[in-house]
């Protein structure tokens, strides 16, 4: 006699359909996650390119020609456009805002129309020199093609110019802080 063996049993059709359904759901979730991460990476790349273009444009403001209040606009390559608004700001208003943030009673603050050597960034400092302060707002826009929503990024900075030098027909921007030679 032959020894007893249970009959060979495979997977039923319902078990196969259930396994395929679980596999399909897993692949679907994975594909959605991958698509969302690719979209985020593309958006991050676009914002990085906008920031680099904005930095290159803002670095040239006040270099080569005097800063003038007003608006200007233009195009970068690859569908990026920019709009710049420059307005003169009252330095005493900014100083009072900074003092309110930092706290009153800071004895290291120079008088309003006098800049210390440490703040001026040059050897003996500028005594009784008047600095003009300008706020530069730059808006970079891109996208909006093929039904996509247009994207924008806004960048703001302050620039100073020694008004005594500009009034005498010579343009010399105020020293920049940070960076320095290595």
C-alpha atoms as a PDB file:
ATOM      1  CA  UNK A   1       0.000   0.000   0.000  1.00  0.00           C
ATOM      2  CA  UNK A   2       0.920   3.537  -0.613  1.00  0.00           C
ATOM      3  CA  UNK A   3       1.425   5.821   2.299  1.00  0.00           C
ATOM      4  CA  UNK A   4      -1.297   8.422   2.834  1.00  0.00           C
ATOM      5  CA  UNK A   5      -0.568  11.839   1.382  1.00  0.00           C
ATOM      6  CA  UNK A   6      -2.976  14.695   1.574  1.00  0.00           C
ATOM      7  CA  UNK A   7      -4.043  15.946  -1.815  1.00  0.00           C
ATOM      8  CA  UNK A   8      -1.797  18.681  -3.348  1.00  0.00           C
ATOM      9  CA  UNK A   9      -3.427  21.989  -2.863  1.00  0.00           C
ATOM     10  CA  UNK A  10      -2.706  25.287  -4.730  1.00  0.00           C
ATOM     11  CA  UNK A  11      -3.992  28.763  -4.197  1.00  0.00           C
ATOM     12  CA  UNK A  12      -7.620  29.437  -4.872  1.00  0.00           C
ATOM     13  CA  UNK A  13      -8.749  32.143  -7.265  1.00  0.00           C
ATOM     14  CA  UNK A  14      -9.973  34.353  -4.387  1.00  0.00           C
ATOM     15  CA  UNK A  15      -6.586  34.136  -2.670  1.00  0.00           C
ATOM     16  CA  UNK A  16      -4.850  35.125  -5.913  1.00  0.00           C
ATOM     17  CA  UNK A  17      -7.177  38.105  -6.459  1.00  0.00           C
ATOM     18  CA  UNK A  18      -6.684  39.259  -2.855  1.00  0.00           C
ATOM     19  CA  UNK A  19      -2.879  39.037  -3.181  1.00  0.00           C
ATOM     20  CA  UNK A  20      -2.954  40.950  -6.469  1.00  0.00           C
ATOM     21  CA  UNK A  21      -5.194  43.626  -4.906  1.00  0.00           C
ATOM     22  CA  UNK A  22      -2.803  44.114  -1.971  1.00  0.00           C
ATOM     23  CA  UNK A  23       0.128  44.313  -4.414  1.00  0.00           C
ATOM     24  CA  UNK A  24      -1.680  46.851  -6.632  1.00  0.00           C
ATOM     25  CA  UNK A  25      -2.580  49.054  -3.647  1.00  0.00           C
ATOM     26  CA  UNK A  26       1.024  48.992  -2.425  1.00  0.00           C
ATOM     27  CA  UNK A  27       2.355  49.951  -5.861  1.00  0.00           C
ATOM     28  CA  UNK A  28      -0.252  52.736  -6.133  1.00  0.00           C
ATOM     29  CA  UNK A  29       0.755  54.259  -2.786  1.00  0.00           C
ATOM     30  CA  UNK A  30       4.424  53.992  -3.748  1.00  0.00           C
ATOM     31  CA  UNK A  31       3.805  55.741  -7.088  1.00  0.00           C
ATOM     32  CA  UNK A  32       1.895  58.592  -5.399  1.00  0.00           C
ATOM     33  CA  UNK A  33       4.717  59.070  -2.908  1.00  0.00           C
ATOM     34  CA  UNK A  34       7.280  59.080  -5.699  1.00  0.00           C
ATOM     35  CA  UNK A  35       5.276  61.610  -7.746  1.00  0.00           C
ATOM     36  CA  UNK A  36       4.853  63.913  -4.735  1.00  0.00           C
ATOM     37  CA  UNK A  37       8.564  63.790  -3.944  1.00  0.00           C
ATOM     38  CA  UNK A  38       9.468  64.548  -7.580  1.00  0.00           C
ATOM     39  CA  UNK A  39       7.071  67.513  -7.535  1.00  0.00           C
ATOM     40  CA  UNK A  40       8.624  68.798  -4.303  1.00  0.00           C
ATOM     41  CA  UNK A  41      12.136  68.408  -5.704  1.00  0.00           C
ATOM     42  CA  UNK A  42      11.168  70.329  -8.857  1.00  0.00           C
ATOM     43  CA  UNK A  43       9.536  73.093  -6.815  1.00  0.00           C
ATOM     44  CA  UNK A  44      12.594  73.306  -4.560  1.00  0.00           C
ATOM     45  CA  UNK A  45      14.842  73.540  -7.609  1.00  0.00           C
ATOM     46  CA  UNK A  46      12.701  76.361  -9.043  1.00  0.00           C
ATOM     47  CA  UNK A  47      12.846  78.323  -5.772  1.00  0.00           C
ATOM     48  CA  UNK A  48      16.609  77.798  -5.577  1.00  0.00           C
ATOM     49  CA  UNK A  49      17.062  79.106  -9.125  1.00  0.00           C
ATOM     50  CA  UNK A  50      14.881  82.123  -8.294  1.00  0.00           C
ATOM     51  CA  UNK A  51      16.969  82.825  -5.179  1.00  0.00           C
ATOM     52  CA  UNK A  52      20.251  82.562  -7.103  1.00  0.00           C
ATOM     53  CA  UNK A  53      18.998  84.888  -9.825  1.00  0.00           C
ATOM     54  CA  UNK A  54      17.684  87.335  -7.226  1.00  0.00           C
ATOM     55  CA  UNK A  55      21.000  87.311  -5.373  1.00  0.00           C
ATOM     56  CA  UNK A  56      22.927  88.033  -8.563  1.00  0.00           C
ATOM     57  CA  UNK A  57      20.630  90.945  -9.379  1.00  0.00           C
ATOM     58  CA  UNK A  58      20.578  92.366  -5.840  1.00  0.00           C
ATOM     59  CA  UNK A  59      24.386  92.196  -5.658  1.00  0.00           C
ATOM     60  CA  UNK A  60      24.616  94.680  -8.555  1.00  0.00           C
ATOM     61  CA  UNK A  61      22.268  97.294  -7.061  1.00  0.00           C
ATOM     62  CA  UNK A  62      24.252 100.446  -6.336  1.00  0.00           C
ATOM     63  CA  UNK A  63      27.405  99.158  -8.020  1.00  0.00           C
ATOM     64  CA  UNK A  64      28.514 101.147 -11.049  1.00  0.00           C
ATOM     65  CA  UNK A  65      25.659 103.626 -10.914  1.00  0.00           C
ATOM     66  CA  UNK A  66      23.891 105.425  -8.064  1.00  0.00           C
ATOM     67  CA  UNK A  67      20.847 103.913  -6.437  1.00  0.00           C
ATOM     68  CA  UNK A  68      17.743 105.737  -7.619  1.00  0.00           C
ATOM     69  CA  UNK A  69      14.278 105.300  -6.087  1.00  0.00           C
ATOM     70  CA  UNK A  70      11.778 103.837  -8.529  1.00  0.00           C
ATOM     71  CA  UNK A  71      10.653 100.656 -10.208  1.00  0.00           C
ATOM     72  CA  UNK A  72      12.234  98.512 -12.869  1.00  0.00           C
ATOM     73  CA  UNK A  73      11.596  95.108 -14.363  1.00  0.00           C
ATOM     74  CA  UNK A  74      13.129  92.616 -16.718  1.00  0.00           C
ATOM     75  CA  UNK A  75      13.520  88.982 -17.710  1.00  0.00           C
ATOM     76  CA  UNK A  76      15.991  86.337 -16.754  1.00  0.00           C
ATOM     77  CA  UNK A  77      16.434  83.424 -19.093  1.00  0.00           C
ATOM     78  CA  UNK A  78      14.205  80.345 -18.982  1.00  0.00           C
ATOM     79  CA  UNK A  79      10.931  82.080 -18.105  1.00  0.00           C
ATOM     80  CA  UNK A  80      11.976  83.921 -14.935  1.00  0.00           C
ATOM     81  CA  UNK A  81      10.928  87.580 -14.713  1.00  0.00           C
ATOM     82  CA  UNK A  82      11.688  90.189 -12.058  1.00  0.00           C
ATOM     83  CA  UNK A  83      10.292  93.444 -10.727  1.00  0.00           C
ATOM     84  CA  UNK A  84      12.360  95.695  -8.491  1.00  0.00           C
ATOM     85  CA  UNK A  85      11.088  98.510  -6.299  1.00  0.00           C
ATOM     86  CA  UNK A  86      13.614 100.844  -4.658  1.00  0.00           C
ATOM     87  CA  UNK A  87      12.511 103.404  -2.099  1.00  0.00           C
ATOM     88  CA  UNK A  88      14.430 105.673   0.213  1.00  0.00           C
ATOM     89  CA  UNK A  89      13.933 104.935   3.909  1.00  0.00           C
ATOM     90  CA  UNK A  90      14.371 107.249   6.876  1.00  0.00           C
ATOM     91  CA  UNK A  91      17.334 105.827   8.845  1.00  0.00           C
ATOM     92  CA  UNK A  92      16.030 107.199  12.142  1.00  0.00           C
ATOM     93  CA  UNK A  93      12.815 105.204  11.715  1.00  0.00           C
ATOM     94  CA  UNK A  94      14.811 102.018  11.142  1.00  0.00           C
ATOM     95  CA  UNK A  95      17.078 102.842  14.074  1.00  0.00           C
ATOM     96  CA  UNK A  96      14.109 103.345  16.400  1.00  0.00           C
ATOM     97  CA  UNK A  97      12.607 100.043  15.229  1.00  0.00           C
ATOM     98  CA  UNK A  98      15.899  98.263  15.863  1.00  0.00           C
ATOM     99  CA  UNK A  99      16.212  99.815  19.320  1.00  0.00           C
ATOM    100  CA  UNK A 100      12.717  98.701  20.217  1.00  0.00           C
ATOM    101  CA  UNK A 101      13.577  95.151  19.126  1.00  0.00           C
ATOM    102  CA  UNK A 102      17.006  94.993  20.746  1.00  0.00           C
ATOM    103  CA  UNK A 103      16.023  97.011  23.798  1.00  0.00           C
ATOM    104  CA  UNK A 104      16.613 100.555  24.930  1.00  0.00           C
ATOM    105  CA  UNK A 105      19.721 101.628  26.798  1.00  0.00           C
ATOM    106  CA  UNK A 106      22.338 100.193  24.449  1.00  0.00           C
ATOM    107  CA  UNK A 107      25.301 102.493  25.090  1.00  0.00           C
ATOM    108  CA  UNK A 108      27.118 101.294  21.946  1.00  0.00           C
ATOM    109  CA  UNK A 109      24.655 102.985  19.589  1.00  0.00           C
ATOM    110  CA  UNK A 110      26.279 105.956  17.776  1.00  0.00           C
ATOM    111  CA  UNK A 111      24.444 109.296  17.409  1.00  0.00           C
ATOM    112  CA  UNK A 112      22.033 109.436  14.410  1.00  0.00           C
ATOM    113  CA  UNK A 113      24.306 111.381  11.996  1.00  0.00           C
ATOM    114  CA  UNK A 114      27.583 109.854  13.119  1.00  0.00           C
ATOM    115  CA  UNK A 115      28.834 106.390  12.297  1.00  0.00           C
ATOM    116  CA  UNK A 116      31.537 104.728  14.370  1.00  0.00           C
ATOM    117  CA  UNK A 117      34.595 103.155  12.793  1.00  0.00           C
ATOM    118  CA  UNK A 118      33.322  99.679  13.663  1.00  0.00           C
ATOM    119  CA  UNK A 119      30.041 100.340  11.927  1.00  0.00           C
ATOM    120  CA  UNK A 120      31.564 102.119   8.936  1.00  0.00           C
ATOM    121  CA  UNK A 121      33.906  99.302   8.077  1.00  0.00           C
ATOM    122  CA  UNK A 122      36.805 101.640   7.240  1.00  0.00           C
ATOM    123  CA  UNK A 123      39.843 102.851   9.161  1.00  0.00           C
ATOM    124  CA  UNK A 124      39.008 106.101  10.952  1.00  0.00           C
ATOM    125  CA  UNK A 125      35.266 105.937  10.499  1.00  0.00           C
ATOM    126  CA  UNK A 126      33.134 108.580   8.848  1.00  0.00           C
ATOM    127  CA  UNK A 127      32.518 111.451  11.187  1.00  0.00           C
ATOM    128  CA  UNK A 128      29.442 113.596  10.578  1.00  0.00           C
ATOM    129  CA  UNK A 129      28.769 111.715   7.328  1.00  0.00           C
ATOM    130  CA  UNK A 130      25.153 111.233   6.264  1.00  0.00           C
ATOM    131  CA  UNK A 131      24.163 107.824   4.971  1.00  0.00           C
ATOM    132  CA  UNK A 132      21.137 107.478   2.736  1.00  0.00           C
ATOM    133  CA  UNK A 133      19.226 104.252   3.295  1.00  0.00           C
ATOM    134  CA  UNK A 134      17.293 102.481   0.546  1.00  0.00           C
ATOM    135  CA  UNK A 135      14.975  99.491   0.746  1.00  0.00           C
ATOM    136  CA  UNK A 136      15.213  97.228  -2.284  1.00  0.00           C
ATOM    137  CA  UNK A 137      12.312  94.815  -2.867  1.00  0.00           C
ATOM    138  CA  UNK A 138      12.710  92.262  -5.646  1.00  0.00           C
ATOM    139  CA  UNK A 139       9.933  89.950  -6.826  1.00  0.00           C
ATOM    140  CA  UNK A 140      10.947  87.017  -9.027  1.00  0.00           C
ATOM    141  CA  UNK A 141       8.167  85.201 -10.931  1.00  0.00           C
ATOM    142  CA  UNK A 142       8.220  82.020 -12.992  1.00  0.00           C
ATOM    143  CA  UNK A 143       5.895  79.313 -14.256  1.00  0.00           C
ATOM    144  CA  UNK A 144       2.350  79.927 -15.409  1.00  0.00           C
ATOM    145  CA  UNK A 145       2.881  77.989 -18.611  1.00  0.00           C
ATOM    146  CA  UNK A 146       0.941  74.926 -19.655  1.00  0.00           C
ATOM    147  CA  UNK A 147      -1.792  75.571 -17.084  1.00  0.00           C
ATOM    148  CA  UNK A 148       0.610  75.684 -14.126  1.00  0.00           C
ATOM    149  CA  UNK A 149       0.113  78.235 -11.397  1.00  0.00           C
ATOM    150  CA  UNK A 150       2.646  81.075 -11.590  1.00  0.00           C
ATOM    151  CA  UNK A 151       5.092  81.115  -8.678  1.00  0.00           C
ATOM    152  CA  UNK A 152       6.695  84.123  -7.033  1.00  0.00           C
ATOM    153  CA  UNK A 153       9.383  84.756  -4.453  1.00  0.00           C
ATOM    154  CA  UNK A 154       9.997  88.132  -2.794  1.00  0.00           C
ATOM    155  CA  UNK A 155      13.427  89.264  -1.587  1.00  0.00           C
ATOM    156  CA  UNK A 156      14.135  92.441   0.396  1.00  0.00           C
ATOM    157  CA  UNK A 157      17.330  94.130   1.491  1.00  0.00           C
ATOM    158  CA  UNK A 158      18.601  97.491   2.716  1.00  0.00           C
ATOM    159  CA  UNK A 159      21.415  99.422   1.010  1.00  0.00           C
ATOM    160  CA  UNK A 160      23.303 102.465   2.222  1.00  0.00           C
ATOM    161  CA  UNK A 161      24.995 105.195   0.227  1.00  0.00           C
ATOM    162  CA  UNK A 162      27.159 108.011   1.564  1.00  0.00           C
ATOM    163  CA  UNK A 163      25.108 111.031   0.460  1.00  0.00           C
ATOM    164  CA  UNK A 164      28.056 113.444   0.777  1.00  0.00           C
ATOM    165  CA  UNK A 165      29.919 111.571  -1.938  1.00  0.00           C
ATOM    166  CA  UNK A 166      26.898 111.282  -4.231  1.00  0.00           C
ATOM    167  CA  UNK A 167      26.122 114.994  -3.973  1.00  0.00           C
ATOM    168  CA  UNK A 168      29.646 115.871  -5.108  1.00  0.00           C
ATOM    169  CA  UNK A 169      29.135 113.971  -8.353  1.00  0.00           C
ATOM    170  CA  UNK A 170      31.042 110.876  -7.283  1.00  0.00           C
ATOM    171  CA  UNK A 171      29.171 107.703  -6.517  1.00  0.00           C
ATOM    172  CA  UNK A 172      30.670 105.510  -3.846  1.00  0.00           C
ATOM    173  CA  UNK A 173      28.474 102.922  -2.178  1.00  0.00           C
ATOM    174  CA  UNK A 174      28.768 102.477   1.561  1.00  0.00           C
ATOM    175  CA  UNK A 175      30.945  99.578   2.646  1.00  0.00           C
ATOM    176  CA  UNK A 176      29.343  96.158   2.823  1.00  0.00           C
ATOM    177  CA  UNK A 177      29.570  94.090   5.955  1.00  0.00           C
ATOM    178  CA  UNK A 178      30.436  90.418   6.188  1.00  0.00           C
ATOM    179  CA  UNK A 179      32.227  88.272   3.723  1.00  0.00           C
ATOM    180  CA  UNK A 180      35.691  89.882   3.849  1.00  0.00           C
ATOM    181  CA  UNK A 181      38.857  88.625   2.210  1.00  0.00           C
ATOM    182  CA  UNK A 182      40.308  85.346   3.368  1.00  0.00           C
END
